[in-house]
N, C-alpha and C. Protein backbone atom coordinates (compact mmCIF):
# COMPACT_ATOMS: atom_id res chain seq x y z
N MET A 1 144.80 38.98 -106.72
CA MET A 1 144.22 38.68 -107.98
C MET A 1 143.71 40.03 -108.61
N THR A 2 143.83 40.11 -109.92
CA THR A 2 143.44 41.30 -110.58
C THR A 2 141.97 41.54 -110.65
N THR A 3 141.57 42.74 -110.74
CA THR A 3 140.09 43.10 -110.96
C THR A 3 139.96 43.83 -112.25
N LYS A 4 141.03 43.93 -112.97
CA LYS A 4 140.95 44.64 -114.28
C LYS A 4 140.17 43.98 -115.39
N TYR A 5 140.12 42.70 -115.27
CA TYR A 5 139.61 41.86 -116.39
C TYR A 5 138.27 41.32 -115.86
N HIS A 6 137.23 41.66 -116.54
CA HIS A 6 135.87 41.26 -116.11
C HIS A 6 135.38 40.15 -117.00
N LYS A 7 135.32 39.00 -116.50
CA LYS A 7 134.84 37.82 -117.22
C LYS A 7 133.45 37.50 -116.73
N THR A 8 132.57 37.12 -117.65
CA THR A 8 131.20 36.87 -117.32
C THR A 8 130.72 35.44 -117.44
N VAL A 9 131.54 34.61 -118.16
CA VAL A 9 131.17 33.24 -118.32
C VAL A 9 132.37 32.34 -117.95
N CYS A 10 132.03 31.13 -117.54
CA CYS A 10 133.09 30.13 -117.33
C CYS A 10 133.58 29.64 -118.56
N GLU A 11 134.95 29.86 -118.78
CA GLU A 11 135.57 29.42 -120.06
C GLU A 11 136.11 28.06 -120.05
N ILE A 12 135.88 27.23 -119.04
CA ILE A 12 136.37 25.85 -119.00
C ILE A 12 135.19 24.82 -119.02
N HIS A 13 134.10 25.18 -118.53
CA HIS A 13 132.90 24.19 -118.53
C HIS A 13 131.91 24.68 -119.53
N ASN A 14 131.43 23.74 -120.31
CA ASN A 14 130.40 24.00 -121.35
C ASN A 14 129.08 24.46 -120.80
N SER A 15 128.69 23.87 -119.71
CA SER A 15 127.37 24.27 -119.12
C SER A 15 127.41 24.17 -117.60
N HIS A 16 126.51 24.91 -116.97
CA HIS A 16 126.44 24.90 -115.60
C HIS A 16 124.95 24.90 -115.16
N TYR A 17 124.64 24.10 -114.15
CA TYR A 17 123.32 24.07 -113.58
C TYR A 17 123.49 23.75 -112.08
N PRO A 18 123.24 24.67 -111.26
CA PRO A 18 122.75 26.04 -111.53
C PRO A 18 123.89 26.91 -112.06
N LYS A 19 123.55 28.07 -112.50
CA LYS A 19 124.50 29.05 -112.98
C LYS A 19 125.39 29.44 -111.76
N PRO A 20 126.81 29.58 -112.10
CA PRO A 20 127.71 29.91 -111.02
C PRO A 20 127.37 31.28 -110.37
N HIS A 21 127.58 31.37 -109.13
CA HIS A 21 127.31 32.61 -108.37
C HIS A 21 128.25 33.65 -108.82
N ARG A 22 129.51 33.26 -109.18
CA ARG A 22 130.45 34.32 -109.59
C ARG A 22 131.48 33.62 -110.49
N ILE A 23 132.22 34.42 -111.27
CA ILE A 23 133.19 33.97 -112.13
C ILE A 23 134.55 34.59 -111.59
N ASP A 24 135.52 33.70 -111.37
CA ASP A 24 136.86 34.14 -110.92
C ASP A 24 137.73 34.40 -112.08
N VAL A 25 138.73 35.24 -111.92
CA VAL A 25 139.77 35.45 -112.91
C VAL A 25 140.95 34.58 -112.49
N HIS A 26 141.22 33.66 -113.44
CA HIS A 26 142.38 32.71 -113.17
C HIS A 26 143.58 33.08 -114.11
N HIS A 27 144.78 33.26 -113.52
CA HIS A 27 145.92 33.44 -114.29
C HIS A 27 146.46 32.03 -114.77
N ILE A 28 146.53 31.84 -116.10
CA ILE A 28 147.03 30.53 -116.56
C ILE A 28 148.45 30.30 -116.05
N TRP A 29 149.28 31.31 -116.29
CA TRP A 29 150.66 31.28 -115.75
C TRP A 29 150.59 32.16 -114.52
N PRO A 30 150.59 31.50 -113.27
CA PRO A 30 150.39 32.35 -112.09
C PRO A 30 151.26 33.52 -111.97
N THR A 31 150.75 34.70 -111.55
CA THR A 31 151.53 35.87 -111.36
C THR A 31 152.61 35.70 -110.33
N GLY A 32 152.30 34.82 -109.32
CA GLY A 32 153.22 34.55 -108.18
C GLY A 32 154.39 33.69 -108.71
N GLU A 33 154.26 33.16 -109.90
CA GLU A 33 155.37 32.37 -110.49
C GLU A 33 155.98 33.06 -111.70
N GLY A 34 155.78 34.41 -111.73
CA GLY A 34 156.39 35.20 -112.87
C GLY A 34 155.49 35.43 -114.02
N GLY A 35 154.23 34.98 -114.01
CA GLY A 35 153.28 35.16 -115.14
C GLY A 35 152.81 36.64 -115.25
N PRO A 36 152.61 37.09 -116.40
CA PRO A 36 152.23 38.48 -116.65
C PRO A 36 150.70 38.69 -116.29
N ASP A 37 150.39 39.86 -115.87
CA ASP A 37 149.00 40.19 -115.53
C ASP A 37 148.47 40.96 -116.74
N VAL A 38 148.18 40.16 -117.87
CA VAL A 38 147.68 40.66 -119.04
C VAL A 38 146.42 39.84 -119.48
N PRO A 39 145.54 40.44 -120.34
CA PRO A 39 144.32 39.69 -120.71
C PRO A 39 144.59 38.37 -121.37
N SER A 40 145.72 38.15 -122.10
CA SER A 40 145.97 36.89 -122.78
C SER A 40 146.37 35.76 -121.80
N ASN A 41 146.64 36.19 -120.50
CA ASN A 41 147.02 35.18 -119.53
C ASN A 41 145.88 34.85 -118.49
N VAL A 42 144.64 35.34 -118.77
CA VAL A 42 143.63 35.11 -117.83
C VAL A 42 142.45 34.38 -118.41
N LEU A 43 141.65 33.69 -117.66
CA LEU A 43 140.49 32.99 -118.04
C LEU A 43 139.38 33.31 -116.94
N GLY A 44 138.18 33.32 -117.38
CA GLY A 44 137.09 33.44 -116.45
C GLY A 44 136.65 31.98 -116.14
N VAL A 45 136.64 31.64 -114.86
CA VAL A 45 136.32 30.33 -114.53
C VAL A 45 135.40 30.32 -113.23
N CYS A 46 134.51 29.31 -113.22
CA CYS A 46 133.71 29.15 -112.00
C CYS A 46 134.57 28.74 -110.80
N GLN A 47 134.04 28.89 -109.64
CA GLN A 47 134.81 28.60 -108.41
C GLN A 47 135.27 27.16 -108.32
N THR A 48 134.45 26.23 -108.78
CA THR A 48 134.84 24.83 -108.77
C THR A 48 135.96 24.59 -109.75
N GLY A 49 135.89 25.07 -110.97
CA GLY A 49 136.90 24.94 -111.93
C GLY A 49 138.24 25.58 -111.49
N HIS A 50 138.12 26.74 -110.78
CA HIS A 50 139.26 27.44 -110.39
C HIS A 50 139.99 26.66 -109.31
N THR A 51 139.30 26.03 -108.33
CA THR A 51 139.83 25.26 -107.38
C THR A 51 140.52 24.00 -107.95
N ASN A 52 139.84 23.40 -108.93
CA ASN A 52 140.31 22.17 -109.57
C ASN A 52 141.59 22.38 -110.34
N ILE A 53 141.68 23.54 -111.07
CA ILE A 53 142.87 23.89 -111.76
C ILE A 53 144.09 24.01 -110.84
N HIS A 54 143.87 24.76 -109.78
CA HIS A 54 144.96 24.89 -108.80
C HIS A 54 145.32 23.70 -108.12
N GLU A 55 144.41 22.82 -107.74
CA GLU A 55 144.77 21.56 -107.09
C GLU A 55 145.64 20.68 -108.10
N LEU A 56 145.18 20.65 -109.37
CA LEU A 56 145.86 19.78 -110.30
C LEU A 56 147.27 20.39 -110.60
N LEU A 57 147.33 21.69 -110.77
CA LEU A 57 148.66 22.29 -110.96
C LEU A 57 149.62 21.98 -109.86
N GLU A 58 149.11 22.04 -108.57
CA GLU A 58 149.98 21.64 -107.40
C GLU A 58 150.46 20.27 -107.55
N LEU A 59 149.50 19.36 -107.90
CA LEU A 59 149.96 17.86 -108.11
C LEU A 59 151.09 17.81 -109.17
N TYR A 60 150.96 18.54 -110.24
CA TYR A 60 151.93 18.52 -111.32
C TYR A 60 153.24 19.06 -110.78
N LEU A 61 153.22 20.15 -110.01
CA LEU A 61 154.42 20.80 -109.45
C LEU A 61 155.07 19.86 -108.45
N ASP A 62 154.34 19.05 -107.79
CA ASP A 62 154.85 18.22 -106.73
C ASP A 62 155.44 16.91 -107.27
N GLY A 63 155.49 16.78 -108.57
CA GLY A 63 156.24 15.68 -109.15
C GLY A 63 155.35 14.75 -109.94
N GLY A 64 154.17 15.18 -110.36
CA GLY A 64 153.39 14.46 -111.25
C GLY A 64 152.08 13.95 -110.52
N VAL A 65 151.22 13.31 -111.31
CA VAL A 65 149.98 12.77 -110.79
C VAL A 65 149.67 11.54 -111.57
N LEU A 66 149.08 10.61 -110.88
CA LEU A 66 148.65 9.33 -111.43
C LEU A 66 147.53 9.58 -112.43
N TRP A 67 147.50 8.80 -113.49
CA TRP A 67 146.40 9.06 -114.49
C TRP A 67 145.05 8.86 -113.94
N GLU A 68 144.97 7.91 -112.88
CA GLU A 68 143.67 7.63 -112.23
C GLU A 68 143.14 8.84 -111.56
N ILE A 69 144.03 9.69 -110.96
CA ILE A 69 143.63 10.96 -110.38
C ILE A 69 143.34 11.94 -111.34
N GLU A 70 144.28 12.09 -112.31
CA GLU A 70 144.18 13.15 -113.35
C GLU A 70 142.84 13.05 -114.13
N ARG A 71 142.40 11.87 -114.42
CA ARG A 71 141.20 11.69 -115.23
C ARG A 71 139.88 12.06 -114.47
N THR A 72 140.01 12.37 -113.17
CA THR A 72 138.80 12.69 -112.41
C THR A 72 138.54 14.23 -112.62
N TYR A 73 139.50 14.90 -113.10
CA TYR A 73 139.35 16.33 -113.48
C TYR A 73 138.83 16.46 -114.96
N GLY A 74 138.19 17.58 -115.28
CA GLY A 74 137.71 17.85 -116.65
C GLY A 74 138.78 18.05 -117.57
N ALA A 75 138.56 17.88 -118.81
CA ALA A 75 139.53 18.02 -119.87
C ALA A 75 140.11 19.46 -119.94
N ASN A 76 139.28 20.44 -119.78
CA ASN A 76 139.75 21.85 -119.82
C ASN A 76 140.59 22.19 -118.49
N GLU A 77 140.12 21.62 -117.35
CA GLU A 77 140.94 21.81 -116.14
C GLU A 77 142.28 21.23 -116.28
N ARG A 78 142.40 20.03 -116.88
CA ARG A 78 143.70 19.38 -117.15
C ARG A 78 144.55 20.24 -118.14
N LYS A 79 143.93 20.74 -119.15
CA LYS A 79 144.54 21.49 -120.18
C LYS A 79 145.13 22.75 -119.57
N TYR A 80 144.34 23.50 -118.78
CA TYR A 80 144.99 24.79 -118.28
C TYR A 80 145.92 24.51 -117.17
N ALA A 81 145.75 23.49 -116.32
CA ALA A 81 146.82 23.15 -115.30
C ALA A 81 148.05 22.78 -115.99
N LYS A 82 148.04 22.02 -117.01
CA LYS A 82 149.23 21.62 -117.80
C LYS A 82 149.93 22.78 -118.38
N LEU A 83 149.14 23.69 -118.98
CA LEU A 83 149.69 24.85 -119.58
C LEU A 83 150.42 25.75 -118.56
N GLY A 84 149.80 25.92 -117.39
CA GLY A 84 150.39 26.66 -116.31
C GLY A 84 151.69 26.04 -115.91
N TYR A 85 151.70 24.68 -115.72
CA TYR A 85 152.82 23.91 -115.27
C TYR A 85 153.94 24.07 -116.32
N GLU A 86 153.66 23.99 -117.60
CA GLU A 86 154.65 24.19 -118.61
C GLU A 86 155.31 25.52 -118.61
N ARG A 87 154.43 26.58 -118.45
CA ARG A 87 155.05 27.89 -118.32
C ARG A 87 155.89 28.16 -117.12
N ILE A 88 155.52 27.60 -116.05
CA ILE A 88 156.36 27.69 -114.73
C ILE A 88 157.59 26.93 -115.02
N SER A 89 157.61 25.68 -115.57
CA SER A 89 158.73 24.87 -115.81
C SER A 89 159.72 25.53 -116.75
N ASN A 90 159.22 26.11 -117.86
CA ASN A 90 160.07 26.73 -118.80
C ASN A 90 160.75 27.99 -118.26
N GLN A 91 160.14 28.67 -117.43
CA GLN A 91 160.70 29.81 -116.80
C GLN A 91 161.88 29.48 -115.89
N LYS A 92 161.89 28.26 -115.29
CA LYS A 92 162.89 27.85 -114.37
C LYS A 92 164.08 27.20 -115.09
N LEU A 93 164.06 26.97 -116.38
CA LEU A 93 165.13 26.42 -117.13
C LEU A 93 166.32 27.36 -117.27
């Protein structure tokens, strides 16, 4: 994971209590899947949001996810997992 981009707030959750201990840099289009390591492809996310985005992305890549499961994730977590999935899928066409 890159250290070039310093994010200081969680860009997927509106509020946190308590404040996150750290903010992770998340690549929307994963670099391991051909995504670029550029500022426009990264988000600052809390550890929970980061884990949730990756879990949901894996569910999408494994053939989809039931709406009952999908709705347990936050709207922005779903948004960025879907965006990553679309970028990976379009690259493989």
